Amino acid sequence: MADIRFDGKVAIVTGAGGGLGRQHALELARRGAKVVVNDLGGSVDGSGGSSSAADAVVDEIKAAGGEAISNGSSVTDDAGVALMIKQAMDQWGRIDILVANAGILRDKSFAKMEIADFELVLNVHLMGTVKPAKAVWDIMREQNYGRIVVTTSSSGLYGNFGQSNYGAAKLGIIGFMNTLRLEGAKNNIHVNAIAPVAATRMTENLMPAAVLERLKPEYVTPGVVYLCSEEAPTGAILTAGAGAFALSRIYETEGVYLGEGGLSVEEVRDNWSKISDPEGHAAYAAGGEQSQKFFRKLSGG
């Protein structure tokens, strides 16, 4: 099969000044994409800012013969996001790919976490994905083409101590993706998620050096770039780390119909083993499929 190429395509990668985002931007450019390298240049907790990191990645891309421009906007700032889109459109006249990668951490147990820390992380990760996606949405619809890759995490999918803010944002992103993939289908807009495990500024203090060496960001990037391609699926949650890839899905058990007359709390308790029985579980493509199951059971099916 032919190599995957992005000649003539324009990509925006947020948080691309280092770590995962940098690798995504470099690989997209290496395969022919013109890239907007976005990075606020702040610290891991979101404070500060500098365009030097994004500029350095642009220099790398240009040195390798590619095309790129830098943008130092915060993904939470409406005017900054609008500027990023304007820069891309003024320079190249189209936007085909958005990789929403920017993020910060404010880890604490929920008991010790300030609401301000919760709101900031939610804003950067969730609204920092929503705002760029909204800004490119009509462009992609008019083109009848678009590929959006959002960034989730095992902390959102499965939980992680000290990351209630981060986990809430990361699972919220999956809910956002699930609806966008439905609304974008008729215009050939595919929306997928990556759940990476990688050695970055955000994880360097969480794992031993020997483990981090096995978790290079470039081991995640092939999965992200595939999700950016014309051949990409839609609605997938691709987990990736250390060269391993898997698919995460949300399943629902078949459950049991308990009737309506005399329904009680005790009946739910007494039938818990049937409610939780994994046999026949399914991953639904839309929320309406759950309702269809309930009506089937109501009809005796």
C-alpha atoms as a PDB file:
ATOM      1  CA  MET A   1       0.000   0.000   0.000  1.00  0.00           C
ATOM      2  CA  ALA A   2       1.083   3.578  -0.643  1.00  0.00           C
ATOM      3  CA  ASP A   3       2.551   5.695   2.129  1.00  0.00           C
ATOM      4  CA  ILE A   4       0.194   8.068   3.916  1.00  0.00           C
ATOM      5  CA  ARG A   5       0.818  11.606   2.697  1.00  0.00           C
ATOM      6  CA  PHE A   6      -0.627  15.041   3.452  1.00  0.00           C
ATOM      7  CA  ASP A   7       0.492  16.997   0.416  1.00  0.00           C
ATOM      8  CA  GLY A   8      -1.749  20.027  -0.062  1.00  0.00           C
ATOM      9  CA  LYS A   9      -3.255  19.623   3.417  1.00  0.00           C
ATOM     10  CA  VAL A  10      -3.055  22.205   6.214  1.00  0.00           C
ATOM     11  CA  ALA A  11      -2.826  21.112   9.840  1.00  0.00           C
ATOM     12  CA  ILE A  12      -3.091  22.959  13.143  1.00  0.00           C
ATOM     13  CA  VAL A  13      -1.443  21.304  16.151  1.00  0.00           C
ATOM     14  CA  THR A  14      -2.047  22.936  19.528  1.00  0.00           C
ATOM     15  CA  GLY A  15       0.493  22.606  22.319  1.00  0.00           C
ATOM     16  CA  ALA A  16       3.089  21.767  19.679  1.00  0.00           C
ATOM     17  CA  GLY A  17       6.095  23.504  21.202  1.00  0.00           C
ATOM     18  CA  GLY A  18       7.343  20.301  22.839  1.00  0.00           C
ATOM     19  CA  GLY A  19       6.513  16.729  23.794  1.00  0.00           C
ATOM     20  CA  LEU A  20       3.708  15.012  21.943  1.00  0.00           C
ATOM     21  CA  GLY A  21       2.544  18.054  20.009  1.00  0.00           C
ATOM     22  CA  ARG A  22       6.013  18.722  18.640  1.00  0.00           C
ATOM     23  CA  GLN A  23       6.312  15.161  17.369  1.00  0.00           C
ATOM     24  CA  HIS A  24       2.857  15.319  15.777  1.00  0.00           C
ATOM     25  CA  ALA A  25       3.717  18.575  14.003  1.00  0.00           C
ATOM     26  CA  LEU A  26       7.090  17.314  12.776  1.00  0.00           C
ATOM     27  CA  GLU A  27       5.657  14.085  11.384  1.00  0.00           C
ATOM     28  CA  LEU A  28       2.720  15.777   9.655  1.00  0.00           C
ATOM     29  CA  ALA A  29       5.152  18.216   8.057  1.00  0.00           C
ATOM     30  CA  ARG A  30       7.522  15.407   7.058  1.00  0.00           C
ATOM     31  CA  ARG A  31       4.624  13.805   5.211  1.00  0.00           C
ATOM     32  CA  GLY A  32       3.792  16.962   3.304  1.00  0.00           C
ATOM     33  CA  ALA A  33       1.375  18.923   5.482  1.00  0.00           C
ATOM     34  CA  LYS A  34       1.662  22.648   5.998  1.00  0.00           C
ATOM     35  CA  VAL A  35       1.540  23.129   9.765  1.00  0.00           C
ATOM     36  CA  VAL A  36       0.460  25.817  12.194  1.00  0.00           C
ATOM     37  CA  VAL A  37       2.548  25.176  15.312  1.00  0.00           C
ATOM     38  CA  ASN A  38       0.549  26.550  18.238  1.00  0.00           C
ATOM     39  CA  ASP A  39       1.997  26.844  21.723  1.00  0.00           C
ATOM     40  CA  LEU A  40       1.421  29.367  24.487  1.00  0.00           C
ATOM     41  CA  GLY A  41       4.846  28.460  25.853  1.00  0.00           C
ATOM     42  CA  GLY A  42       3.702  28.410  29.473  1.00  0.00           C
ATOM     43  CA  SER A  43       4.777  26.150  32.299  1.00  0.00           C
ATOM     44  CA  VAL A  44       3.157  22.790  33.034  1.00  0.00           C
ATOM     45  CA  ASP A  45       0.669  24.443  35.398  1.00  0.00           C
ATOM     46  CA  GLY A  46      -0.368  26.948  32.722  1.00  0.00           C
ATOM     47  CA  SER A  47       1.473  30.012  34.044  1.00  0.00           C
ATOM     48  CA  GLY A  48       3.661  32.264  31.913  1.00  0.00           C
ATOM     49  CA  GLY A  49       4.024  32.287  28.157  1.00  0.00           C
ATOM     50  CA  SER A  50       6.555  32.582  25.328  1.00  0.00           C
ATOM     51  CA  SER A  51       6.497  31.961  21.580  1.00  0.00           C
ATOM     52  CA  SER A  52      10.064  30.621  21.512  1.00  0.00           C
ATOM     53  CA  ALA A  53       9.054  26.945  21.742  1.00  0.00           C
ATOM     54  CA  ALA A  54       6.661  27.176  18.782  1.00  0.00           C
ATOM     55  CA  ASP A  55       9.220  29.177  16.782  1.00  0.00           C
ATOM     56  CA  ALA A  56      11.848  26.487  17.373  1.00  0.00           C
ATOM     57  CA  VAL A  57       9.572  23.761  16.007  1.00  0.00           C
ATOM     58  CA  VAL A  58       8.797  25.902  12.949  1.00  0.00           C
ATOM     59  CA  ASP A  59      12.543  26.282  12.399  1.00  0.00           C
ATOM     60  CA  GLU A  60      12.948  22.494  12.569  1.00  0.00           C
ATOM     61  CA  ILE A  61      10.210  21.974  10.000  1.00  0.00           C
ATOM     62  CA  LYS A  62      11.626  24.585   7.644  1.00  0.00           C
ATOM     63  CA  ALA A  63      15.153  23.198   8.015  1.00  0.00           C
ATOM     64  CA  ALA A  64      13.798  19.836   6.831  1.00  0.00           C
ATOM     65  CA  GLY A  65      12.203  21.466   3.774  1.00  0.00           C
ATOM     66  CA  GLY A  66       8.656  21.786   5.117  1.00  0.00           C
ATOM     67  CA  GLU A  67       6.260  24.700   5.525  1.00  0.00           C
ATOM     68  CA  ALA A  68       5.098  25.971   8.905  1.00  0.00           C
ATOM     69  CA  ILE A  69       4.099  29.066  10.837  1.00  0.00           C
ATOM     70  CA  SER A  70       3.987  29.612  14.589  1.00  0.00           C
ATOM     71  CA  ASN A  71       1.174  30.883  16.777  1.00  0.00           C
ATOM     72  CA  GLY A  72       1.434  31.714  20.476  1.00  0.00           C
ATOM     73  CA  SER A  73      -2.271  31.970  21.313  1.00  0.00           C
ATOM     74  CA  SER A  74      -3.881  30.369  24.320  1.00  0.00           C
ATOM     75  CA  VAL A  75      -6.472  27.820  23.230  1.00  0.00           C
ATOM     76  CA  THR A  76      -8.802  29.264  25.875  1.00  0.00           C
ATOM     77  CA  ASP A  77      -8.707  32.772  24.406  1.00  0.00           C
ATOM     78  CA  ASP A  78     -11.388  33.499  21.796  1.00  0.00           C
ATOM     79  CA  ALA A  79      -9.422  36.260  20.106  1.00  0.00           C
ATOM     80  CA  GLY A  80      -6.256  34.164  20.128  1.00  0.00           C
ATOM     81  CA  VAL A  81      -7.996  31.172  18.578  1.00  0.00           C
ATOM     82  CA  ALA A  82      -9.541  33.433  15.922  1.00  0.00           C
ATOM     83  CA  LEU A  83      -6.073  34.801  15.139  1.00  0.00           C
ATOM     84  CA  MET A  84      -4.685  31.272  14.776  1.00  0.00           C
ATOM     85  CA  ILE A  85      -7.401  30.392  12.263  1.00  0.00           C
ATOM     86  CA  LYS A  86      -6.912  33.671  10.390  1.00  0.00           C
ATOM     87  CA  GLN A  87      -3.172  33.065  10.124  1.00  0.00           C
ATOM     88  CA  ALA A  88      -3.754  29.633   8.600  1.00  0.00           C
ATOM     89  CA  MET A  89      -6.402  30.834   6.171  1.00  0.00           C
ATOM     90  CA  ASP A  90      -4.393  33.916   5.120  1.00  0.00           C
ATOM     91  CA  GLN A  91      -1.306  31.795   4.560  1.00  0.00           C
ATOM     92  CA  TRP A  92      -2.783  28.718   2.877  1.00  0.00           C
ATOM     93  CA  GLY A  93      -6.528  29.240   2.347  1.00  0.00           C
ATOM     94  CA  ARG A  94      -7.752  26.045   3.999  1.00  0.00           C
ATOM     95  CA  ILE A  95      -7.590  23.949   7.173  1.00  0.00           C
ATOM     96  CA  ASP A  96      -7.856  20.168   6.872  1.00  0.00           C
ATOM     97  CA  ILE A  97      -6.590  18.866  10.205  1.00  0.00           C
ATOM     98  CA  LEU A  98      -6.835  19.923  13.829  1.00  0.00           C
ATOM     99  CA  VAL A  99      -4.872  18.078  16.497  1.00  0.00           C
ATOM    100  CA  ALA A 100      -6.064  19.415  19.862  1.00  0.00           C
ATOM    101  CA  ASN A 101      -3.149  18.525  22.103  1.00  0.00           C
ATOM    102  CA  ALA A 102      -2.601  21.513  24.429  1.00  0.00           C
ATOM    103  CA  GLY A 103      -2.934  20.877  28.151  1.00  0.00           C
ATOM    104  CA  ILE A 104      -1.789  21.621  31.690  1.00  0.00           C
ATOM    105  CA  LEU A 105      -1.794  19.891  35.075  1.00  0.00           C
ATOM    106  CA  ARG A 106      -2.857  21.060  38.539  1.00  0.00           C
ATOM    107  CA  ASP A 107      -2.766  17.726  40.389  1.00  0.00           C
ATOM    108  CA  LYS A 108      -4.069  17.467  43.961  1.00  0.00           C
ATOM    109  CA  SER A 109      -6.429  15.179  45.815  1.00  0.00           C
ATOM    110  CA  PHE A 110     -10.008  16.426  45.583  1.00  0.00           C
ATOM    111  CA  ALA A 111      -9.991  17.259  49.300  1.00  0.00           C
ATOM    112  CA  LYS A 112      -7.072  19.638  48.830  1.00  0.00           C
ATOM    113  CA  MET A 113      -7.949  20.999  45.387  1.00  0.00           C
ATOM    114  CA  GLU A 114      -9.147  24.559  45.006  1.00  0.00           C
ATOM    115  CA  ILE A 115     -12.114  25.130  42.704  1.00  0.00           C
ATOM    116  CA  ALA A 116      -9.927  27.560  40.737  1.00  0.00           C
ATOM    117  CA  ASP A 117      -7.536  24.678  39.931  1.00  0.00           C
ATOM    118  CA  PHE A 118     -10.474  22.551  38.822  1.00  0.00           C
ATOM    119  CA  GLU A 119     -11.906  25.270  36.598  1.00  0.00           C
ATOM    120  CA  LEU A 120      -8.559  26.141  35.004  1.00  0.00           C
ATOM    121  CA  VAL A 121      -7.754  22.557  34.003  1.00  0.00           C
ATOM    122  CA  LEU A 122     -11.297  22.037  32.725  1.00  0.00           C
ATOM    123  CA  ASN A 123     -11.041  25.256  30.722  1.00  0.00           C
ATOM    124  CA  VAL A 124      -7.687  24.454  29.108  1.00  0.00           C
ATOM    125  CA  HIS A 125      -8.412  20.834  28.239  1.00  0.00           C
ATOM    126  CA  LEU A 126     -12.134  20.852  27.447  1.00  0.00           C
ATOM    127  CA  MET A 127     -12.818  24.399  26.251  1.00  0.00           C
ATOM    128  CA  GLY A 128      -9.296  24.488  24.784  1.00  0.00           C
ATOM    129  CA  THR A 129     -10.466  21.644  22.553  1.00  0.00           C
ATOM    130  CA  VAL A 130     -13.955  23.007  21.916  1.00  0.00           C
ATOM    131  CA  LYS A 131     -12.865  26.503  20.857  1.00  0.00           C
ATOM    132  CA  PRO A 132     -10.383  25.517  18.112  1.00  0.00           C
ATOM    133  CA  ALA A 133     -12.795  22.815  16.893  1.00  0.00           C
ATOM    134  CA  LYS A 134     -15.619  25.360  16.679  1.00  0.00           C
ATOM    135  CA  ALA A 135     -13.334  27.778  14.843  1.00  0.00           C
ATOM    136  CA  VAL A 136     -12.459  25.234  12.119  1.00  0.00           C
ATOM    137  CA  TRP A 137     -15.852  23.515  11.952  1.00  0.00           C
ATOM    138  CA  ASP A 138     -17.526  25.646   9.265  1.00  0.00           C
ATOM    139  CA  ILE A 139     -14.325  25.696   7.209  1.00  0.00           C
ATOM    140  CA  MET A 140     -14.250  21.895   7.212  1.00  0.00           C
ATOM    141  CA  ARG A 141     -17.973  21.672   6.451  1.00  0.00           C
ATOM    142  CA  GLU A 142     -17.608  23.949   3.442  1.00  0.00           C
ATOM    143  CA  GLN A 143     -14.652  21.888   2.208  1.00  0.00           C
ATOM    144  CA  ASN A 144     -16.570  18.647   2.841  1.00  0.00           C
ATOM    145  CA  TYR A 145     -13.393  17.418   4.477  1.00  0.00           C
ATOM    146  CA  GLY A 146     -11.842  17.525   7.897  1.00  0.00           C
ATOM    147  CA  ARG A 147      -9.944  15.450  10.405  1.00  0.00           C
ATOM    148  CA  ILE A 148     -10.001  16.342  14.105  1.00  0.00           C
ATOM    149  CA  VAL A 149      -7.995  14.483  16.727  1.00  0.00           C
ATOM    150  CA  VAL A 150      -8.765  15.292  20.360  1.00  0.00           C
ATOM    151  CA  THR A 151      -6.599  14.210  23.283  1.00  0.00           C
ATOM    152  CA  THR A 152      -8.102  12.212  26.127  1.00  0.00           C
ATOM    153  CA  SER A 153      -6.388  10.224  28.886  1.00  0.00           C
ATOM    154  CA  SER A 154      -6.624   7.044  30.906  1.00  0.00           C
ATOM    155  CA  SER A 155      -7.265   9.384  33.845  1.00  0.00           C
ATOM    156  CA  GLY A 156     -10.555  10.339  32.236  1.00  0.00           C
ATOM    157  CA  LEU A 157     -11.417   6.907  30.906  1.00  0.00           C
ATOM    158  CA  TYR A 158     -10.583   4.995  34.074  1.00  0.00           C
ATOM    159  CA  GLY A 159      -9.675   7.479  36.844  1.00  0.00           C
ATOM    160  CA  ASN A 160      -6.426   8.413  38.556  1.00  0.00           C
ATOM    161  CA  PHE A 161      -5.768   9.564  42.109  1.00  0.00           C
ATOM    162  CA  GLY A 162      -5.180  13.311  42.366  1.00  0.00           C
ATOM    163  CA  GLN A 163      -6.586  14.112  38.931  1.00  0.00           C
ATOM    164  CA  SER A 164     -10.305  14.737  39.385  1.00  0.00           C
ATOM    165  CA  ASN A 165     -10.025  17.984  37.412  1.00  0.00           C
ATOM    166  CA  TYR A 166      -7.938  16.473  34.610  1.00  0.00           C
ATOM    167  CA  GLY A 167     -10.046  13.296  34.500  1.00  0.00           C
ATOM    168  CA  ALA A 168     -13.308  15.230  34.290  1.00  0.00           C
ATOM    169  CA  ALA A 169     -11.973  17.317  31.408  1.00  0.00           C
ATOM    170  CA  LYS A 170     -10.572  14.333  29.546  1.00  0.00           C
ATOM    171  CA  LEU A 171     -13.784  12.310  29.708  1.00  0.00           C
ATOM    172  CA  GLY A 172     -15.764  15.421  28.772  1.00  0.00           C
ATOM    173  CA  ILE A 173     -13.695  15.518  25.591  1.00  0.00           C
ATOM    174  CA  ILE A 174     -14.973  12.024  24.720  1.00  0.00           C
ATOM    175  CA  GLY A 175     -18.576  13.173  25.054  1.00  0.00           C
ATOM    176  CA  PHE A 176     -17.736  16.094  22.783  1.00  0.00           C
ATOM    177  CA  MET A 177     -16.116  13.787  20.222  1.00  0.00           C
ATOM    178  CA  ASN A 178     -19.039  11.368  20.235  1.00  0.00           C
ATOM    179  CA  THR A 179     -21.444  14.077  19.098  1.00  0.00           C
ATOM    180  CA  LEU A 180     -19.058  15.741  16.633  1.00  0.00           C
ATOM    181  CA  ARG A 181     -18.496  12.465  14.800  1.00  0.00           C
ATOM    182  CA  LEU A 182     -22.261  12.210  14.249  1.00  0.00           C
ATOM    183  CA  GLU A 183     -22.726  15.826  13.183  1.00  0.00           C
ATOM    184  CA  GLY A 184     -19.645  15.812  10.932  1.00  0.00           C
ATOM    185  CA  ALA A 185     -20.365  12.570   9.097  1.00  0.00           C
ATOM    186  CA  LYS A 186     -22.310  14.073   6.197  1.00  0.00           C
ATOM    187  CA  ASN A 187     -19.452  16.495   5.480  1.00  0.00           C
ATOM    188  CA  ASN A 188     -16.667  13.896   5.660  1.00  0.00           C
ATOM    189  CA  ILE A 189     -15.369  15.253   8.965  1.00  0.00           C
ATOM    190  CA  HIS A 190     -13.873  12.423  11.020  1.00  0.00           C
ATOM    191  CA  VAL A 191     -13.318  13.008  14.732  1.00  0.00           C
ATOM    192  CA  ASN A 192     -11.193  10.665  16.850  1.00  0.00           C
ATOM    193  CA  ALA A 193      -9.399  10.655  20.182  1.00  0.00           C
ATOM    194  CA  ILE A 194      -5.914   9.662  21.266  1.00  0.00           C
ATOM    195  CA  ALA A 195      -5.193   8.540  24.840  1.00  0.00           C
ATOM    196  CA  PRO A 196      -1.397   8.725  25.054  1.00  0.00           C
ATOM    197  CA  VAL A 197       1.107   7.500  27.594  1.00  0.00           C
ATOM    198  CA  ALA A 198       4.349   9.358  26.959  1.00  0.00           C
ATOM    199  CA  ALA A 199       7.357  10.967  28.578  1.00  0.00           C
ATOM    200  CA  THR A 200       6.650  14.703  28.476  1.00  0.00           C
ATOM    201  CA  ARG A 201       6.962  17.700  30.803  1.00  0.00           C
ATOM    202  CA  MET A 202       3.618  16.650  32.270  1.00  0.00           C
ATOM    203  CA  THR A 203       4.800  13.150  33.192  1.00  0.00           C
ATOM    204  CA  GLU A 204       8.539  13.505  33.816  1.00  0.00           C
ATOM    205  CA  ASN A 205       8.105  13.653  37.601  1.00  0.00           C
ATOM    206  CA  LEU A 206       5.630  10.777  37.749  1.00  0.00           C
ATOM    207  CA  MET A 207       7.764   7.873  36.493  1.00  0.00           C
ATOM    208  CA  PRO A 208      11.339   6.541  36.804  1.00  0.00           C
ATOM    209  CA  ALA A 209      13.827   7.551  34.106  1.00  0.00           C
ATOM    210  CA  ALA A 210      14.108   3.979  32.789  1.00  0.00           C
ATOM    211  CA  VAL A 211      10.342   3.861  32.207  1.00  0.00           C
ATOM    212  CA  LEU A 212      10.252   7.303  30.610  1.00  0.00           C
ATOM    213  CA  GLU A 213      12.901   6.179  28.125  1.00  0.00           C
ATOM    214  CA  ARG A 214      10.458   3.534  26.851  1.00  0.00           C
ATOM    215  CA  LEU A 215       7.665   6.098  26.553  1.00  0.00           C
ATOM    216  CA  LYS A 216       9.036   8.509  23.977  1.00  0.00           C
ATOM    217  CA  PRO A 217       6.404  10.819  22.443  1.00  0.00           C
ATOM    218  CA  GLU A 218       7.376   9.669  18.954  1.00  0.00           C
ATOM    219  CA  TYR A 219       6.015   6.211  19.819  1.00  0.00           C
ATOM    220  CA  VAL A 220       2.506   7.739  20.045  1.00  0.00           C
ATOM    221  CA  THR A 221       2.659   9.966  16.973  1.00  0.00           C
ATOM    222  CA  PRO A 222       2.108   7.266  14.292  1.00  0.00           C
ATOM    223  CA  GLY A 223      -1.323   6.601  15.763  1.00  0.00           C
ATOM    224  CA  VAL A 224      -2.210  10.299  15.806  1.00  0.00           C
ATOM    225  CA  VAL A 225      -1.042  10.824  12.236  1.00  0.00           C
ATOM    226  CA  TYR A 226      -3.095   7.840  11.065  1.00  0.00           C
ATOM    227  CA  LEU A 227      -6.161   9.419  12.697  1.00  0.00           C
ATOM    228  CA  CYS A 228      -5.388  12.575  10.678  1.00  0.00           C
ATOM    229  CA  SER A 229      -5.348  10.701   7.372  1.00  0.00           C
ATOM    230  CA  GLU A 230      -8.000  10.270   4.695  1.00  0.00           C
ATOM    231  CA  GLU A 231      -8.226   6.600   5.732  1.00  0.00           C
ATOM    232  CA  ALA A 232      -8.981   7.420   9.374  1.00  0.00           C
ATOM    233  CA  PRO A 233     -11.982   5.884  11.147  1.00  0.00           C
ATOM    234  CA  THR A 234     -14.306   8.146  13.100  1.00  0.00           C
ATOM    235  CA  GLY A 235     -15.300   7.980  16.748  1.00  0.00           C
ATOM    236  CA  ALA A 236     -12.316   5.865  17.783  1.00  0.00           C
ATOM    237  CA  ILE A 237     -10.520   6.194  21.119  1.00  0.00           C
ATOM    238  CA  LEU A 238      -6.994   5.031  20.313  1.00  0.00           C
ATOM    239  CA  THR A 239      -4.764   4.339  23.294  1.00  0.00           C
ATOM    240  CA  ALA A 240      -1.039   4.454  22.659  1.00  0.00           C
ATOM    241  CA  GLY A 241       2.283   4.220  24.468  1.00  0.00           C
ATOM    242  CA  ALA A 242       5.719   2.608  24.104  1.00  0.00           C
ATOM    243  CA  GLY A 243       4.825   1.429  20.597  1.00  0.00           C
ATOM    244  CA  ALA A 244       1.670  -0.373  21.744  1.00  0.00           C
ATOM    245  CA  PHE A 245      -1.794   0.558  20.445  1.00  0.00           C
ATOM    246  CA  ALA A 246      -5.287  -0.482  21.536  1.00  0.00           C
ATOM    247  CA  LEU A 247      -8.880   0.678  21.196  1.00  0.00           C
ATOM    248  CA  SER A 248     -10.913   1.829  24.191  1.00  0.00           C
ATOM    249  CA  ARG A 249     -14.704   1.625  23.949  1.00  0.00           C
ATOM    250  CA  ILE A 250     -17.634   2.417  26.228  1.00  0.00           C
ATOM    251  CA  TYR A 251     -19.841  -0.655  26.658  1.00  0.00           C
ATOM    252  CA  GLU A 252     -23.273  -1.167  28.151  1.00  0.00           C
ATOM    253  CA  THR A 253     -24.620  -4.456  29.483  1.00  0.00           C
ATOM    254  CA  GLU A 254     -27.798  -5.968  28.076  1.00  0.00           C
ATOM    255  CA  GLY A 255     -29.418  -5.503  31.477  1.00  0.00           C
ATOM    256  CA  VAL A 256     -32.832  -6.709  32.583  1.00  0.00           C
ATOM    257  CA  TYR A 257     -36.417  -5.441  32.383  1.00  0.00           C
ATOM    258  CA  LEU A 258     -37.966  -5.293  35.847  1.00  0.00           C
ATOM    259  CA  GLY A 259     -41.389  -4.014  34.807  1.00  0.00           C
ATOM    260  CA  GLU A 260     -43.156  -0.868  35.897  1.00  0.00           C
ATOM    261  CA  GLY A 261     -45.794  -2.027  38.364  1.00  0.00           C
ATOM    262  CA  GLY A 262     -44.463  -2.182  41.911  1.00  0.00           C
ATOM    263  CA  LEU A 263     -40.911  -1.354  40.848  1.00  0.00           C
ATOM    264  CA  SER A 264     -38.774  -0.855  43.945  1.00  0.00           C
ATOM    265  CA  VAL A 265     -35.256  -0.178  45.154  1.00  0.00           C
ATOM    266  CA  GLU A 266     -35.108  -3.751  46.454  1.00  0.00           C
ATOM    267  CA  GLU A 267     -35.787  -5.152  42.978  1.00  0.00           C
ATOM    268  CA  VAL A 268     -32.793  -3.238  41.636  1.00  0.00           C
ATOM    269  CA  ARG A 269     -30.679  -4.603  44.512  1.00  0.00           C
ATOM    270  CA  ASP A 270     -31.915  -8.167  44.066  1.00  0.00           C
ATOM    271  CA  ASN A 271     -31.305  -8.120  40.305  1.00  0.00           C
ATOM    272  CA  TRP A 272     -27.899  -6.465  40.415  1.00  0.00           C
ATOM    273  CA  SER A 273     -26.133  -9.588  39.134  1.00  0.00           C
ATOM    274  CA  LYS A 274     -28.360  -9.563  36.026  1.00  0.00           C
ATOM    275  CA  ILE A 275     -27.980  -5.814  35.524  1.00  0.00           C
ATOM    276  CA  SER A 276     -24.192  -6.106  35.670  1.00  0.00           C
ATOM    277  CA  ASP A 277     -23.869  -9.373  33.701  1.00  0.00           C
ATOM    278  CA  PRO A 278     -21.363  -8.644  30.871  1.00  0.00           C
ATOM    279  CA  GLU A 279     -22.808 -11.286  28.524  1.00  0.00           C
ATOM    280  CA  GLY A 280     -24.251  -9.619  25.441  1.00  0.00           C
ATOM    281  CA  HIS A 281     -22.777  -6.198  26.222  1.00  0.00           C
ATOM    282  CA  ALA A 282     -22.583  -3.726  23.340  1.00  0.00           C
ATOM    283  CA  ALA A 283     -20.866  -0.489  22.345  1.00  0.00           C
ATOM    284  CA  TYR A 284     -23.463   1.917  20.976  1.00  0.00           C
ATOM    285  CA  ALA A 285     -22.874   4.252  18.044  1.00  0.00           C
ATOM    286  CA  ALA A 286     -25.362   6.838  19.331  1.00  0.00           C
ATOM    287  CA  GLY A 287     -27.401   7.513  22.469  1.00  0.00           C
ATOM    288  CA  GLY A 288     -30.621   6.514  20.749  1.00  0.00           C
ATOM    289  CA  GLU A 289     -29.457   2.903  20.581  1.00  0.00           C
ATOM    290  CA  GLN A 290     -29.756   2.684  24.363  1.00  0.00           C
ATOM    291  CA  SER A 291     -33.360   3.915  24.160  1.00  0.00           C
ATOM    292  CA  GLN A 292     -34.080   1.353  21.452  1.00  0.00           C
ATOM    293  CA  LYS A 293     -32.877  -1.383  23.783  1.00  0.00           C
ATOM    294  CA  PHE A 294     -35.145  -0.181  26.570  1.00  0.00           C
ATOM    295  CA  PHE A 295     -38.152  -0.127  24.239  1.00  0.00           C
ATOM    296  CA  ARG A 296     -37.212  -3.613  23.000  1.00  0.00           C
ATOM    297  CA  LYS A 297     -37.211  -4.877  26.546  1.00  0.00           C
ATOM    298  CA  LEU A 298     -40.493  -3.111  27.233  1.00  0.00           C
ATOM    299  CA  SER A 299     -41.947  -5.083  24.315  1.00  0.00           C
ATOM    300  CA  GLY A 300     -40.624  -8.350  25.695  1.00  0.00           C
ATOM    301  CA  GLY A 301     -37.598  -8.573  23.413  1.00  0.00           C
END
